[in-house]
Amino acid sequence: MMNACRQWLPYLSTVELHVIALAHSLGCPRIGRDRELKKAQEAFWKGELDEAGLRAVGRDLRKTHWALQKAAGIELLRAGDFAWYDQVLTHIADVRRGP
């Protein structure tokens, strides 16, 4: 192994090396900071909120979570971390949609 590395030593001075560290997050809690999704779902189930209102809460949560992560310097934003109710069931449904 050491001999293999030594053969590249003469070339290292002519190659510009860049070390890049990227920040990554596993996502934000899907329910929201103040449990907005839970409150909206319960209102929907009681008939106090229509489907469009529930979808708007979900859309706003996703938008807010992405903006918070981006503002914090997270370069690799996670996609697919949102679930309306059951994260495992949502994941199973997403996997089964594949080819």
N, C-alpha and C. Protein backbone atom coordinates (compact mmCIF):
# COMPACT_ATOMS: atom_id res chain seq x y z
N MET A 1 0.82 -1.20 0.00
CA MET A 1 0.00 0.00 0.00
C MET A 1 0.86 1.26 0.00
N MET A 2 1.91 1.25 0.82
CA MET A 2 2.77 2.42 0.91
C MET A 2 3.48 2.69 -0.41
N ASN A 3 3.88 1.65 -1.11
CA ASN A 3 4.53 1.84 -2.40
C ASN A 3 3.57 2.45 -3.41
N ALA A 4 2.32 2.06 -3.34
CA ALA A 4 1.33 2.63 -4.26
C ALA A 4 1.16 4.12 -3.99
N CYS A 5 1.20 4.53 -2.74
CA CYS A 5 1.07 5.95 -2.39
C CYS A 5 2.31 6.74 -2.83
N ARG A 6 3.48 6.15 -2.67
CA ARG A 6 4.73 6.85 -3.01
C ARG A 6 4.80 7.20 -4.49
N GLN A 7 4.23 6.39 -5.34
CA GLN A 7 4.31 6.66 -6.77
C GLN A 7 3.56 7.93 -7.14
N TRP A 8 2.62 8.39 -6.32
CA TRP A 8 1.85 9.59 -6.61
C TRP A 8 2.44 10.85 -5.99
N LEU A 9 3.41 10.70 -5.11
CA LEU A 9 3.98 11.86 -4.42
C LEU A 9 4.52 12.94 -5.37
N PRO A 10 5.21 12.61 -6.45
CA PRO A 10 5.71 13.68 -7.34
C PRO A 10 4.59 14.51 -7.98
N TYR A 11 3.42 13.93 -8.12
CA TYR A 11 2.32 14.63 -8.79
C TYR A 11 1.49 15.49 -7.84
N LEU A 12 1.58 15.25 -6.55
CA LEU A 12 0.75 15.97 -5.59
C LEU A 12 1.04 17.47 -5.57
N SER A 13 2.27 17.86 -5.84
CA SER A 13 2.59 19.28 -5.81
C SER A 13 1.99 20.02 -7.01
N THR A 14 1.67 19.31 -8.07
CA THR A 14 1.12 19.96 -9.26
C THR A 14 -0.41 19.91 -9.29
N VAL A 15 -1.01 19.20 -8.38
CA VAL A 15 -2.46 19.06 -8.35
C VAL A 15 -3.02 19.91 -7.22
N GLU A 16 -3.99 20.70 -7.54
CA GLU A 16 -4.63 21.52 -6.51
C GLU A 16 -5.69 20.67 -5.82
N LEU A 17 -5.56 20.53 -4.52
CA LEU A 17 -6.49 19.71 -3.76
C LEU A 17 -7.50 20.60 -3.04
N HIS A 18 -8.74 20.19 -3.05
CA HIS A 18 -9.79 20.91 -2.35
C HIS A 18 -10.45 19.96 -1.36
N VAL A 19 -10.59 20.40 -0.16
CA VAL A 19 -11.32 19.62 0.83
C VAL A 19 -12.63 20.35 1.08
N ILE A 20 -13.71 19.63 0.87
CA ILE A 20 -15.02 20.24 1.02
C ILE A 20 -15.79 19.48 2.10
N ALA A 21 -16.29 20.22 3.06
CA ALA A 21 -17.14 19.64 4.08
C ALA A 21 -18.55 20.18 3.88
N LEU A 22 -19.49 19.29 3.79
CA LEU A 22 -20.87 19.69 3.59
C LEU A 22 -21.67 19.37 4.84
N ALA A 23 -22.57 20.26 5.19
CA ALA A 23 -23.45 20.03 6.33
C ALA A 23 -24.71 19.32 5.84
N HIS A 24 -25.18 18.37 6.62
CA HIS A 24 -26.38 17.60 6.28
C HIS A 24 -27.27 17.48 7.51
N SER A 25 -28.53 17.39 7.28
CA SER A 25 -29.50 17.26 8.37
C SER A 25 -30.43 16.10 8.06
N LEU A 26 -30.94 15.47 9.09
CA LEU A 26 -31.92 14.40 8.91
C LEU A 26 -33.33 14.96 8.78
N GLY A 27 -33.44 16.27 8.78
CA GLY A 27 -34.74 16.90 8.62
C GLY A 27 -35.24 17.49 9.92
N CYS A 28 -36.38 18.10 9.83
CA CYS A 28 -37.03 18.71 11.00
C CYS A 28 -38.16 17.81 11.46
N PRO A 29 -38.58 17.94 12.71
CA PRO A 29 -39.75 17.17 13.15
C PRO A 29 -40.96 17.51 12.28
N ARG A 30 -41.60 16.52 11.76
CA ARG A 30 -42.69 16.74 10.80
C ARG A 30 -43.87 17.47 11.41
N ILE A 31 -44.04 17.37 12.70
CA ILE A 31 -45.23 17.89 13.36
C ILE A 31 -45.18 19.41 13.56
N GLY A 32 -43.99 20.00 13.46
CA GLY A 32 -43.85 21.44 13.62
C GLY A 32 -43.40 21.82 15.01
N ARG A 33 -42.85 23.00 15.11
CA ARG A 33 -42.30 23.47 16.39
C ARG A 33 -43.37 23.55 17.48
N ASP A 34 -44.53 24.06 17.11
CA ASP A 34 -45.63 24.21 18.07
C ASP A 34 -46.75 23.21 17.80
N ARG A 35 -46.40 22.06 17.23
CA ARG A 35 -47.34 20.98 16.93
C ARG A 35 -48.45 21.44 15.99
N GLU A 36 -48.08 22.27 15.02
CA GLU A 36 -49.06 22.82 14.08
C GLU A 36 -49.77 21.73 13.27
N LEU A 37 -49.01 20.72 12.84
CA LEU A 37 -49.61 19.66 12.02
C LEU A 37 -50.62 18.86 12.83
N LYS A 38 -50.28 18.53 14.05
CA LYS A 38 -51.19 17.77 14.92
C LYS A 38 -52.49 18.55 15.14
N LYS A 39 -52.36 19.83 15.43
CA LYS A 39 -53.55 20.66 15.66
C LYS A 39 -54.40 20.76 14.40
N ALA A 40 -53.75 20.90 13.24
CA ALA A 40 -54.48 21.00 11.98
C ALA A 40 -55.17 19.68 11.65
N GLN A 41 -54.50 18.56 11.90
CA GLN A 41 -55.12 17.26 11.63
C GLN A 41 -56.34 17.04 12.52
N GLU A 42 -56.21 17.37 13.79
CA GLU A 42 -57.34 17.20 14.70
C GLU A 42 -58.51 18.09 14.29
N ALA A 43 -58.22 19.32 13.85
CA ALA A 43 -59.27 20.21 13.38
C ALA A 43 -59.92 19.64 12.11
N PHE A 44 -59.13 19.04 11.24
CA PHE A 44 -59.64 18.43 10.02
C PHE A 44 -60.56 17.25 10.36
N TRP A 45 -60.11 16.40 11.29
CA TRP A 45 -60.91 15.23 11.68
C TRP A 45 -62.23 15.65 12.34
N LYS A 46 -62.24 16.78 13.04
CA LYS A 46 -63.45 17.28 13.68
C LYS A 46 -64.36 18.02 12.70
N GLY A 47 -63.87 18.29 11.50
CA GLY A 47 -64.64 19.01 10.51
C GLY A 47 -64.50 20.52 10.63
N GLU A 48 -63.57 20.97 11.44
CA GLU A 48 -63.35 22.40 11.64
C GLU A 48 -62.42 23.01 10.60
N LEU A 49 -61.72 22.17 9.85
CA LEU A 49 -60.76 22.62 8.83
C LEU A 49 -60.98 21.77 7.59
N ASP A 50 -61.01 22.42 6.42
CA ASP A 50 -61.19 21.65 5.19
C ASP A 50 -59.85 21.10 4.69
N GLU A 51 -59.93 20.29 3.64
CA GLU A 51 -58.71 19.65 3.11
C GLU A 51 -57.71 20.68 2.60
N ALA A 52 -58.20 21.73 1.96
CA ALA A 52 -57.30 22.77 1.45
C ALA A 52 -56.54 23.43 2.59
N GLY A 53 -57.20 23.66 3.72
CA GLY A 53 -56.53 24.25 4.88
C GLY A 53 -55.48 23.32 5.46
N LEU A 54 -55.80 22.03 5.51
CA LEU A 54 -54.83 21.05 6.01
C LEU A 54 -53.61 20.98 5.10
N ARG A 55 -53.85 20.96 3.80
CA ARG A 55 -52.72 20.93 2.85
C ARG A 55 -51.88 22.19 2.94
N ALA A 56 -52.52 23.31 3.19
CA ALA A 56 -51.78 24.57 3.34
C ALA A 56 -50.86 24.53 4.56
N VAL A 57 -51.34 23.93 5.65
CA VAL A 57 -50.50 23.80 6.86
C VAL A 57 -49.29 22.93 6.53
N GLY A 58 -49.50 21.80 5.85
CA GLY A 58 -48.39 20.93 5.47
C GLY A 58 -47.40 21.62 4.55
N ARG A 59 -47.91 22.36 3.58
CA ARG A 59 -47.05 23.09 2.64
C ARG A 59 -46.23 24.14 3.38
N ASP A 60 -46.87 24.88 4.29
CA ASP A 60 -46.16 25.91 5.06
C ASP A 60 -45.09 25.31 5.97
N LEU A 61 -45.40 24.17 6.58
CA LEU A 61 -44.41 23.51 7.43
C LEU A 61 -43.19 23.09 6.63
N ARG A 62 -43.41 22.46 5.48
CA ARG A 62 -42.27 22.04 4.64
C ARG A 62 -41.44 23.23 4.21
N LYS A 63 -42.11 24.30 3.77
CA LYS A 63 -41.41 25.50 3.33
C LYS A 63 -40.61 26.11 4.49
N THR A 64 -41.22 26.19 5.67
CA THR A 64 -40.54 26.75 6.84
C THR A 64 -39.34 25.91 7.24
N HIS A 65 -39.50 24.59 7.26
CA HIS A 65 -38.41 23.71 7.66
C HIS A 65 -37.24 23.80 6.69
N TRP A 66 -37.52 23.86 5.40
CA TRP A 66 -36.44 24.00 4.42
C TRP A 66 -35.73 25.33 4.59
N ALA A 67 -36.50 26.40 4.80
CA ALA A 67 -35.89 27.72 4.97
C ALA A 67 -35.03 27.78 6.23
N LEU A 68 -35.48 27.17 7.32
CA LEU A 68 -34.69 27.15 8.56
C LEU A 68 -33.36 26.42 8.36
N GLN A 69 -33.41 25.28 7.69
CA GLN A 69 -32.20 24.51 7.46
C GLN A 69 -31.23 25.26 6.54
N LYS A 70 -31.79 25.86 5.51
CA LYS A 70 -30.94 26.62 4.57
C LYS A 70 -30.29 27.80 5.28
N ALA A 71 -31.06 28.51 6.11
CA ALA A 71 -30.53 29.65 6.85
C ALA A 71 -29.46 29.23 7.85
N ALA A 72 -29.55 27.98 8.32
CA ALA A 72 -28.56 27.47 9.27
C ALA A 72 -27.29 26.99 8.57
N GLY A 73 -27.26 27.05 7.23
CA GLY A 73 -26.06 26.65 6.50
C GLY A 73 -26.05 25.19 6.10
N ILE A 74 -27.18 24.52 6.17
CA ILE A 74 -27.25 23.12 5.75
C ILE A 74 -27.27 23.08 4.23
N GLU A 75 -26.24 22.45 3.64
CA GLU A 75 -26.13 22.43 2.19
C GLU A 75 -26.91 21.29 1.55
N LEU A 76 -27.01 20.18 2.24
CA LEU A 76 -27.73 19.02 1.71
C LEU A 76 -29.07 18.92 2.42
N LEU A 77 -30.09 19.53 1.82
CA LEU A 77 -31.42 19.51 2.43
C LEU A 77 -32.10 18.19 2.13
N ARG A 78 -32.68 17.64 3.14
CA ARG A 78 -33.33 16.34 3.00
C ARG A 78 -34.69 16.50 2.33
N ALA A 79 -34.99 15.59 1.46
CA ALA A 79 -36.31 15.54 0.83
C ALA A 79 -37.02 14.28 1.32
N GLY A 80 -38.31 14.36 1.48
CA GLY A 80 -39.08 13.19 1.88
C GLY A 80 -39.13 12.98 3.38
N ASP A 81 -38.88 13.99 4.18
CA ASP A 81 -38.93 13.82 5.63
C ASP A 81 -40.29 14.20 6.21
N PHE A 82 -41.26 14.50 5.35
CA PHE A 82 -42.58 14.90 5.81
C PHE A 82 -43.56 13.76 5.64
N ALA A 83 -44.38 13.55 6.64
CA ALA A 83 -45.45 12.56 6.57
C ALA A 83 -46.69 13.18 7.20
N TRP A 84 -47.83 12.90 6.63
CA TRP A 84 -49.06 13.47 7.19
C TRP A 84 -49.41 12.84 8.52
N TYR A 85 -49.16 11.54 8.67
CA TYR A 85 -49.53 10.90 9.94
C TYR A 85 -48.50 9.87 10.35
N ASP A 86 -48.32 8.85 9.55
CA ASP A 86 -47.46 7.72 9.90
C ASP A 86 -46.25 7.71 8.98
N GLN A 87 -45.06 7.95 9.54
CA GLN A 87 -43.85 8.02 8.72
C GLN A 87 -43.51 6.69 8.08
N VAL A 88 -43.72 5.59 8.80
CA VAL A 88 -43.39 4.27 8.25
C VAL A 88 -44.33 3.94 7.09
N LEU A 89 -45.61 4.20 7.26
CA LEU A 89 -46.57 3.93 6.20
C LEU A 89 -46.28 4.79 4.96
N THR A 90 -45.92 6.04 5.18
CA THR A 90 -45.55 6.93 4.07
C THR A 90 -44.33 6.40 3.34
N HIS A 91 -43.33 5.92 4.08
CA HIS A 91 -42.12 5.37 3.47
C HIS A 91 -42.45 4.12 2.65
N ILE A 92 -43.29 3.26 3.20
CA ILE A 92 -43.67 2.04 2.47
C ILE A 92 -44.38 2.42 1.17
N ALA A 93 -45.29 3.38 1.24
CA ALA A 93 -46.01 3.81 0.03
C ALA A 93 -45.04 4.40 -0.99
N ASP A 94 -44.05 5.16 -0.55
CA ASP A 94 -43.07 5.74 -1.47
C ASP A 94 -42.22 4.67 -2.13
N VAL A 95 -41.82 3.67 -1.37
CA VAL A 95 -40.99 2.60 -1.92
C VAL A 95 -41.77 1.79 -2.93
N ARG A 96 -43.02 1.51 -2.66
CA ARG A 96 -43.82 0.69 -3.57
C ARG A 96 -44.19 1.43 -4.87
N ARG A 97 -44.00 2.76 -4.88
CA ARG A 97 -44.29 3.53 -6.09
C ARG A 97 -43.18 3.37 -7.12
N GLY A 98 -42.04 2.86 -6.69
CA GLY A 98 -40.89 2.74 -7.58
C GLY A 98 -41.12 1.73 -8.68
N PRO A 99 -40.13 1.61 -9.56
CA PRO A 99 -40.28 0.68 -10.69
C PRO A 99 -40.36 -0.78 -10.26
